[in-house]
Amino acid sequence: MAAFPTTSVVAVVVVADVACPSCSQIARELPDLLRVPVTVRSCHDPRLTTQYPTLPATVPACRRPRSAPSARTGRCAGGPA
């Protein structure tokens, strides 16, 4: 059986669209579920890529103005441009 390397997570940064109710709810609940510090940041924050330069390009690219979740899917409309 192969051994997996052990990794210690010391903190988590959650990037969420605060205009999306589902995303916001998950982001609010994560700090209560994890034992490490959780920082929640908006994907609309213009300083996001400066402060977290190792974020995948798809994270800041997902930000789009959203008004409400889709009635059909319950998920926010939009995605990568």
PDB file of N, CA and C in Angstrom:
ATOM      1  N   MET A   1       0.848  -1.171   0.000  1.00  0.00           N
ATOM      2  CA  MET A   1       0.000   0.000   0.000  1.00  0.00           C
ATOM      3  C   MET A   1       0.896   1.237   0.000  1.00  0.00           C
ATOM      4  N   ALA A   2       0.595   2.186  -0.878  1.00  0.00           N
ATOM      5  CA  ALA A   2       1.408   3.394  -1.004  1.00  0.00           C
ATOM      6  C   ALA A   2       1.134   4.343   0.158  1.00  0.00           C
ATOM      7  N   ALA A   3       2.203   4.955   0.621  1.00  0.00           N
ATOM      8  CA  ALA A   3       2.061   5.949   1.696  1.00  0.00           C
ATOM      9  C   ALA A   3       1.813   7.319   1.069  1.00  0.00           C
ATOM     10  N   PHE A   4       0.888   8.044   1.642  1.00  0.00           N
ATOM     11  CA  PHE A   4       0.605   9.389   1.159  1.00  0.00           C
ATOM     12  C   PHE A   4       1.371  10.385   2.011  1.00  0.00           C
ATOM     13  N   PRO A   5       1.901  11.427   1.384  1.00  0.00           N
ATOM     14  CA  PRO A   5       2.610  12.435   2.179  1.00  0.00           C
ATOM     15  C   PRO A   5       1.624  13.170   3.091  1.00  0.00           C
ATOM     16  N   THR A   6       2.090  13.493   4.262  1.00  0.00           N
ATOM     17  CA  THR A   6       1.235  14.231   5.191  1.00  0.00           C
ATOM     18  C   THR A   6       1.411  15.717   4.949  1.00  0.00           C
ATOM     19  N   THR A   7       0.308  16.402   4.914  1.00  0.00           N
ATOM     20  CA  THR A   7       0.303  17.841   4.717  1.00  0.00           C
ATOM     21  C   THR A   7      -0.483  18.466   5.847  1.00  0.00           C
ATOM     22  N   SER A   8       0.080  19.486   6.427  1.00  0.00           N
ATOM     23  CA  SER A   8      -0.630  20.199   7.482  1.00  0.00           C
ATOM     24  C   SER A   8      -1.213  21.477   6.909  1.00  0.00           C
ATOM     25  N   VAL A   9      -2.504  21.609   7.056  1.00  0.00           N
ATOM     26  CA  VAL A   9      -3.179  22.830   6.620  1.00  0.00           C
ATOM     27  C   VAL A   9      -3.203  23.766   7.811  1.00  0.00           C
ATOM     28  N   VAL A  10      -2.663  24.961   7.617  1.00  0.00           N
ATOM     29  CA  VAL A  10      -2.603  25.915   8.729  1.00  0.00           C
ATOM     30  C   VAL A  10      -3.658  27.007   8.620  1.00  0.00           C
ATOM     31  N   ALA A  11      -4.218  27.199   7.426  1.00  0.00           N
ATOM     32  CA  ALA A  11      -5.260  28.207   7.227  1.00  0.00           C
ATOM     33  C   ALA A  11      -5.941  27.946   5.894  1.00  0.00           C
ATOM     34  N   VAL A  12      -7.153  28.467   5.759  1.00  0.00           N
ATOM     35  CA  VAL A  12      -7.917  28.317   4.524  1.00  0.00           C
ATOM     36  C   VAL A  12      -8.415  29.696   4.101  1.00  0.00           C
ATOM     37  N   VAL A  13      -8.274  29.992   2.806  1.00  0.00           N
ATOM     38  CA  VAL A  13      -8.828  31.219   2.250  1.00  0.00           C
ATOM     39  C   VAL A  13      -9.975  30.802   1.335  1.00  0.00           C
ATOM     40  N   VAL A  14     -11.162  31.304   1.631  1.00  0.00           N
ATOM     41  CA  VAL A  14     -12.347  30.998   0.833  1.00  0.00           C
ATOM     42  C   VAL A  14     -12.656  32.222  -0.023  1.00  0.00           C
ATOM     43  N   VAL A  15     -12.747  32.015  -1.331  1.00  0.00           N
ATOM     44  CA  VAL A  15     -13.108  33.096  -2.242  1.00  0.00           C
ATOM     45  C   VAL A  15     -14.526  32.811  -2.699  1.00  0.00           C
ATOM     46  N   ALA A  16     -15.431  33.708  -2.336  1.00  0.00           N
ATOM     47  CA  ALA A  16     -16.844  33.492  -2.639  1.00  0.00           C
ATOM     48  C   ALA A  16     -17.451  34.749  -3.232  1.00  0.00           C
ATOM     49  N   ASP A  17     -18.505  34.542  -3.992  1.00  0.00           N
ATOM     50  CA  ASP A  17     -19.260  35.663  -4.533  1.00  0.00           C
ATOM     51  C   ASP A  17     -20.306  36.037  -3.498  1.00  0.00           C
ATOM     52  N   VAL A  18     -20.101  37.153  -2.831  1.00  0.00           N
ATOM     53  CA  VAL A  18     -21.001  37.554  -1.748  1.00  0.00           C
ATOM     54  C   VAL A  18     -22.394  37.925  -2.270  1.00  0.00           C
ATOM     55  N   ALA A  19     -22.528  38.125  -3.578  1.00  0.00           N
ATOM     56  CA  ALA A  19     -23.836  38.409  -4.154  1.00  0.00           C
ATOM     57  C   ALA A  19     -24.658  37.137  -4.365  1.00  0.00           C
ATOM     58  N   CYS A  20     -24.035  35.991  -4.219  1.00  0.00           N
ATOM     59  CA  CYS A  20     -24.706  34.703  -4.415  1.00  0.00           C
ATOM     60  C   CYS A  20     -25.091  34.135  -3.051  1.00  0.00           C
ATOM     61  N   PRO A  21     -26.371  33.959  -2.778  1.00  0.00           N
ATOM     62  CA  PRO A  21     -26.783  33.454  -1.463  1.00  0.00           C
ATOM     63  C   PRO A  21     -26.188  32.095  -1.103  1.00  0.00           C
ATOM     64  N   SER A  22     -26.104  31.178  -2.063  1.00  0.00           N
ATOM     65  CA  SER A  22     -25.540  29.855  -1.767  1.00  0.00           C
ATOM     66  C   SER A  22     -24.064  29.941  -1.417  1.00  0.00           C
ATOM     67  N   CYS A  23     -23.314  30.712  -2.215  1.00  0.00           N
ATOM     68  CA  CYS A  23     -21.881  30.877  -1.951  1.00  0.00           C
ATOM     69  C   CYS A  23     -21.650  31.547  -0.599  1.00  0.00           C
ATOM     70  N   SER A  24     -22.434  32.569  -0.316  1.00  0.00           N
ATOM     71  CA  SER A  24     -22.278  33.295   0.939  1.00  0.00           C
ATOM     72  C   SER A  24     -22.570  32.411   2.138  1.00  0.00           C
ATOM     73  N   GLN A  25     -23.593  31.587   2.038  1.00  0.00           N
ATOM     74  CA  GLN A  25     -23.939  30.712   3.159  1.00  0.00           C
ATOM     75  C   GLN A  25     -22.820  29.721   3.442  1.00  0.00           C
ATOM     76  N   ILE A  26     -22.276  29.122   2.404  1.00  0.00           N
ATOM     77  CA  ILE A  26     -21.171  28.173   2.582  1.00  0.00           C
ATOM     78  C   ILE A  26     -19.970  28.881   3.206  1.00  0.00           C
ATOM     79  N   ALA A  27     -19.651  30.058   2.693  1.00  0.00           N
ATOM     80  CA  ALA A  27     -18.511  30.822   3.216  1.00  0.00           C
ATOM     81  C   ALA A  27     -18.717  31.176   4.688  1.00  0.00           C
ATOM     82  N   ARG A  28     -19.937  31.493   5.083  1.00  0.00           N
ATOM     83  CA  ARG A  28     -20.212  31.821   6.491  1.00  0.00           C
ATOM     84  C   ARG A  28     -20.116  30.605   7.395  1.00  0.00           C
ATOM     85  N   GLU A  29     -20.457  29.422   6.882  1.00  0.00           N
ATOM     86  CA  GLU A  29     -20.474  28.210   7.702  1.00  0.00           C
ATOM     87  C   GLU A  29     -19.111  27.542   7.841  1.00  0.00           C
ATOM     88  N   LEU A  30     -18.225  27.723   6.881  1.00  0.00           N
ATOM     89  CA  LEU A  30     -16.923  27.041   6.913  1.00  0.00           C
ATOM     90  C   LEU A  30     -16.109  27.301   8.181  1.00  0.00           C
ATOM     91  N   PRO A  31     -16.038  28.531   8.685  1.00  0.00           N
ATOM     92  CA  PRO A  31     -15.240  28.740   9.897  1.00  0.00           C
ATOM     93  C   PRO A  31     -15.707  27.901  11.092  1.00  0.00           C
ATOM     94  N   ASP A  32     -16.983  27.571  11.140  1.00  0.00           N
ATOM     95  CA  ASP A  32     -17.498  26.731  12.229  1.00  0.00           C
ATOM     96  C   ASP A  32     -17.201  25.255  12.014  1.00  0.00           C
ATOM     97  N   LEU A  33     -16.892  24.876  10.778  1.00  0.00           N
ATOM     98  CA  LEU A  33     -16.677  23.470  10.464  1.00  0.00           C
ATOM     99  C   LEU A  33     -15.210  23.058  10.463  1.00  0.00           C
ATOM    100  N   LEU A  34     -14.315  24.003  10.285  1.00  0.00           N
ATOM    101  CA  LEU A  34     -12.890  23.695  10.196  1.00  0.00           C
ATOM    102  C   LEU A  34     -12.163  24.089  11.472  1.00  0.00           C
ATOM    103  N   ARG A  35     -11.086  23.395  11.746  1.00  0.00           N
ATOM    104  CA  ARG A  35     -10.299  23.684  12.950  1.00  0.00           C
ATOM    105  C   ARG A  35      -9.183  24.681  12.713  1.00  0.00           C
ATOM    106  N   VAL A  36      -9.002  25.089  11.482  1.00  0.00           N
ATOM    107  CA  VAL A  36      -7.954  26.058  11.157  1.00  0.00           C
ATOM    108  C   VAL A  36      -8.604  27.405  10.882  1.00  0.00           C
ATOM    109  N   PRO A  37      -7.844  28.489  10.977  1.00  0.00           N
ATOM    110  CA  PRO A  37      -8.415  29.803  10.664  1.00  0.00           C
ATOM    111  C   PRO A  37      -8.915  29.876   9.221  1.00  0.00           C
ATOM    112  N   VAL A  38     -10.078  30.478   9.037  1.00  0.00           N
ATOM    113  CA  VAL A  38     -10.680  30.629   7.714  1.00  0.00           C
ATOM    114  C   VAL A  38     -10.847  32.117   7.425  1.00  0.00           C
ATOM    115  N   THR A  39     -10.317  32.543   6.286  1.00  0.00           N
ATOM    116  CA  THR A  39     -10.483  33.918   5.827  1.00  0.00           C
ATOM    117  C   THR A  39     -11.410  33.886   4.626  1.00  0.00           C
ATOM    118  N   VAL A  40     -12.470  34.669   4.669  1.00  0.00           N
ATOM    119  CA  VAL A  40     -13.414  34.727   3.559  1.00  0.00           C
ATOM    120  C   VAL A  40     -13.180  36.018   2.794  1.00  0.00           C
ATOM    121  N   ARG A  41     -12.977  35.884   1.489  1.00  0.00           N
ATOM    122  CA  ARG A  41     -12.736  37.038   0.626  1.00  0.00           C
ATOM    123  C   ARG A  41     -13.729  37.022  -0.520  1.00  0.00           C
ATOM    124  N   SER A  42     -14.107  38.192  -0.979  1.00  0.00           N
ATOM    125  CA  SER A  42     -15.020  38.318  -2.104  1.00  0.00           C
ATOM    126  C   SER A  42     -14.249  38.184  -3.410  1.00  0.00           C
ATOM    127  N   CYS A  43     -14.837  37.499  -4.377  1.00  0.00           N
ATOM    128  CA  CYS A  43     -14.195  37.398  -5.688  1.00  0.00           C
ATOM    129  C   CYS A  43     -14.260  38.739  -6.427  1.00  0.00           C
ATOM    130  N   HIS A  44     -15.019  39.688  -5.906  1.00  0.00           N
ATOM    131  CA  HIS A  44     -15.099  41.025  -6.507  1.00  0.00           C
ATOM    132  C   HIS A  44     -14.012  41.956  -5.974  1.00  0.00           C
ATOM    133  N   ASP A  45     -13.233  41.520  -5.002  1.00  0.00           N
ATOM    134  CA  ASP A  45     -12.188  42.346  -4.396  1.00  0.00           C
ATOM    135  C   ASP A  45     -11.079  42.594  -5.416  1.00  0.00           C
ATOM    136  N   PRO A  46     -10.822  43.840  -5.789  1.00  0.00           N
ATOM    137  CA  PRO A  46      -9.799  44.116  -6.801  1.00  0.00           C
ATOM    138  C   PRO A  46      -8.380  43.787  -6.331  1.00  0.00           C
ATOM    139  N   ARG A  47      -8.171  43.656  -5.026  1.00  0.00           N
ATOM    140  CA  ARG A  47      -6.835  43.345  -4.495  1.00  0.00           C
ATOM    141  C   ARG A  47      -6.598  41.845  -4.333  1.00  0.00           C
ATOM    142  N   LEU A  48      -7.574  41.029  -4.701  1.00  0.00           N
ATOM    143  CA  LEU A  48      -7.502  39.594  -4.464  1.00  0.00           C
ATOM    144  C   LEU A  48      -6.255  38.952  -5.073  1.00  0.00           C
ATOM    145  N   THR A  49      -5.997  39.203  -6.341  1.00  0.00           N
ATOM    146  CA  THR A  49      -4.842  38.563  -6.989  1.00  0.00           C
ATOM    147  C   THR A  49      -3.520  39.141  -6.513  1.00  0.00           C
ATOM    148  N   THR A  50      -3.528  40.362  -6.022  1.00  0.00           N
ATOM    149  CA  THR A  50      -2.305  40.938  -5.475  1.00  0.00           C
ATOM    150  C   THR A  50      -1.980  40.298  -4.132  1.00  0.00           C
ATOM    151  N   GLN A  51      -2.990  40.125  -3.304  1.00  0.00           N
ATOM    152  CA  GLN A  51      -2.776  39.568  -1.971  1.00  0.00           C
ATOM    153  C   GLN A  51      -2.622  38.052  -1.984  1.00  0.00           C
ATOM    154  N   TYR A  52      -3.193  37.391  -2.985  1.00  0.00           N
ATOM    155  CA  TYR A  52      -3.085  35.935  -3.116  1.00  0.00           C
ATOM    156  C   TYR A  52      -2.651  35.594  -4.533  1.00  0.00           C
ATOM    157  N   PRO A  53      -1.387  35.826  -4.875  1.00  0.00           N
ATOM    158  CA  PRO A  53      -0.927  35.661  -6.257  1.00  0.00           C
ATOM    159  C   PRO A  53      -0.931  34.213  -6.755  1.00  0.00           C
ATOM    160  N   THR A  54      -1.055  33.243  -5.870  1.00  0.00           N
ATOM    161  CA  THR A  54      -1.042  31.843  -6.311  1.00  0.00           C
ATOM    162  C   THR A  54      -2.435  31.299  -6.618  1.00  0.00           C
ATOM    163  N   LEU A  55      -3.467  32.143  -6.537  1.00  0.00           N
ATOM    164  CA  LEU A  55      -4.809  31.685  -6.897  1.00  0.00           C
ATOM    165  C   LEU A  55      -4.846  31.302  -8.367  1.00  0.00           C
ATOM    166  N   PRO A  56      -5.551  30.216  -8.695  1.00  0.00           N
ATOM    167  CA  PRO A  56      -5.708  29.885 -10.117  1.00  0.00           C
ATOM    168  C   PRO A  56      -6.424  31.025 -10.844  1.00  0.00           C
ATOM    169  N   ALA A  57      -6.110  31.231 -12.100  1.00  0.00           N
ATOM    170  CA  ALA A  57      -6.689  32.332 -12.877  1.00  0.00           C
ATOM    171  C   ALA A  57      -8.207  32.254 -12.966  1.00  0.00           C
ATOM    172  N   THR A  58      -8.768  31.061 -12.829  1.00  0.00           N
ATOM    173  CA  THR A  58     -10.219  30.912 -12.925  1.00  0.00           C
ATOM    174  C   THR A  58     -10.948  31.513 -11.725  1.00  0.00           C
ATOM    175  N   VAL A  59     -10.262  31.694 -10.602  1.00  0.00           N
ATOM    176  CA  VAL A  59     -10.927  32.230  -9.400  1.00  0.00           C
ATOM    177  C   VAL A  59     -11.320  33.692  -9.587  1.00  0.00           C
ATOM    178  N   PRO A  60     -10.394  34.600  -9.878  1.00  0.00           N
ATOM    179  CA  PRO A  60     -10.829  35.980 -10.090  1.00  0.00           C
ATOM    180  C   PRO A  60     -11.633  36.156 -11.376  1.00  0.00           C
ATOM    181  N   ALA A  61     -11.477  35.269 -12.341  1.00  0.00           N
ATOM    182  CA  ALA A  61     -12.207  35.377 -13.607  1.00  0.00           C
ATOM    183  C   ALA A  61     -13.688  35.041 -13.444  1.00  0.00           C
ATOM    184  N   CYS A  62     -14.059  34.384 -12.352  1.00  0.00           N
ATOM    185  CA  CYS A  62     -15.454  33.973 -12.178  1.00  0.00           C
ATOM    186  C   CYS A  62     -16.352  35.134 -11.808  1.00  0.00           C
ATOM    187  N   ARG A  63     -15.781  36.234 -11.355  1.00  0.00           N
ATOM    188  CA  ARG A  63     -16.630  37.320 -10.869  1.00  0.00           C
ATOM    189  C   ARG A  63     -17.413  37.976 -12.002  1.00  0.00           C
ATOM    190  N   ARG A  64     -18.681  38.047 -11.798  1.00  0.00           N
ATOM    191  CA  ARG A  64     -19.613  38.696 -12.709  1.00  0.00           C
ATOM    192  C   ARG A  64     -20.721  39.281 -11.858  1.00  0.00           C
ATOM    193  N   PRO A  65     -21.313  40.362 -12.285  1.00  0.00           N
ATOM    194  CA  PRO A  65     -22.455  40.866 -11.521  1.00  0.00           C
ATOM    195  C   PRO A  65     -23.568  39.823 -11.512  1.00  0.00           C
ATOM    196  N   ARG A  66     -24.061  39.522 -10.360  1.00  0.00           N
ATOM    197  CA  ARG A  66     -25.140  38.547 -10.224  1.00  0.00           C
ATOM    198  C   ARG A  66     -26.210  39.154  -9.345  1.00  0.00           C
ATOM    199  N   SER A  67     -27.445  38.882  -9.673  1.00  0.00           N
ATOM    200  CA  SER A  67     -28.503  39.457  -8.857  1.00  0.00           C
ATOM    201  C   SER A  67     -29.198  38.414  -8.009  1.00  0.00           C
ATOM    202  N   ALA A  68     -29.354  37.196  -8.522  1.00  0.00           N
ATOM    203  CA  ALA A  68     -30.085  36.182  -7.769  1.00  0.00           C
ATOM    204  C   ALA A  68     -29.777  34.807  -8.346  1.00  0.00           C
ATOM    205  N   PRO A  69     -29.991  33.766  -7.549  1.00  0.00           N
ATOM    206  CA  PRO A  69     -29.816  32.417  -8.085  1.00  0.00           C
ATOM    207  C   PRO A  69     -30.856  32.133  -9.175  1.00  0.00           C
ATOM    208  N   SER A  70     -30.528  31.260 -10.063  1.00  0.00           N
ATOM    209  CA  SER A  70     -31.442  30.855 -11.124  1.00  0.00           C
ATOM    210  C   SER A  70     -32.620  30.109 -10.509  1.00  0.00           C
ATOM    211  N   ALA A  71     -33.812  30.414 -10.941  1.00  0.00           N
ATOM    212  CA  ALA A  71     -35.000  29.728 -10.429  1.00  0.00           C
ATOM    213  C   ALA A  71     -34.994  28.254 -10.850  1.00  0.00           C
ATOM    214  N   ARG A  72     -34.382  27.971 -11.988  1.00  0.00           N
ATOM    215  CA  ARG A  72     -34.357  26.605 -12.494  1.00  0.00           C
ATOM    216  C   ARG A  72     -33.364  25.725 -11.736  1.00  0.00           C
ATOM    217  N   THR A  73     -32.181  26.248 -11.473  1.00  0.00           N
ATOM    218  CA  THR A  73     -31.140  25.419 -10.849  1.00  0.00           C
ATOM    219  C   THR A  73     -30.884  25.744  -9.389  1.00  0.00           C
ATOM    220  N   GLY A  74     -31.270  26.945  -8.930  1.00  0.00           N
ATOM    221  CA  GLY A  74     -30.955  27.350  -7.575  1.00  0.00           C
ATOM    222  C   GLY A  74     -29.531  27.836  -7.431  1.00  0.00           C
ATOM    223  N   ARG A  75     -28.780  27.861  -8.533  1.00  0.00           N
ATOM    224  CA  ARG A  75     -27.382  28.308  -8.498  1.00  0.00           C
ATOM    225  C   ARG A  75     -27.286  29.667  -9.165  1.00  0.00           C
ATOM    226  N   CYS A  76     -26.261  30.398  -8.823  1.00  0.00           N
ATOM    227  CA  CYS A  76     -26.064  31.719  -9.407  1.00  0.00           C
ATOM    228  C   CYS A  76     -25.691  31.586 -10.874  1.00  0.00           C
ATOM    229  N   ALA A  77     -26.185  32.505 -11.665  1.00  0.00           N
ATOM    230  CA  ALA A  77     -25.863  32.524 -13.084  1.00  0.00           C
ATOM    231  C   ALA A  77     -24.448  33.028 -13.271  1.00  0.00           C
ATOM    232  N   GLY A  78     -23.873  32.715 -14.390  1.00  0.00           N
ATOM    233  CA  GLY A  78     -22.541  33.234 -14.688  1.00  0.00           C
ATOM    234  C   GLY A  78     -21.477  32.179 -14.482  1.00  0.00           C
ATOM    235  N   GLY A  79     -20.269  32.597 -14.577  1.00  0.00           N
ATOM    236  CA  GLY A  79     -19.130  31.715 -14.479  1.00  0.00           C
ATOM    237  C   GLY A  79     -17.981  32.362 -15.192  1.00  0.00           C
ATOM    238  N   PRO A  80     -16.981  31.592 -15.583  1.00  0.00           N
ATOM    239  CA  PRO A  80     -15.862  32.186 -16.287  1.00  0.00           C
ATOM    240  C   PRO A  80     -16.310  32.932 -17.530  1.00  0.00           C
ATOM    241  N   ALA A  81     -15.726  34.084 -17.725  1.00  0.00           N
ATOM    242  CA  ALA A  81     -16.114  34.901 -18.889  1.00  0.00           C
ATOM    243  C   ALA A  81     -15.619  34.316 -20.168  1.00  0.00           C
TER     244      ALA A  81
END
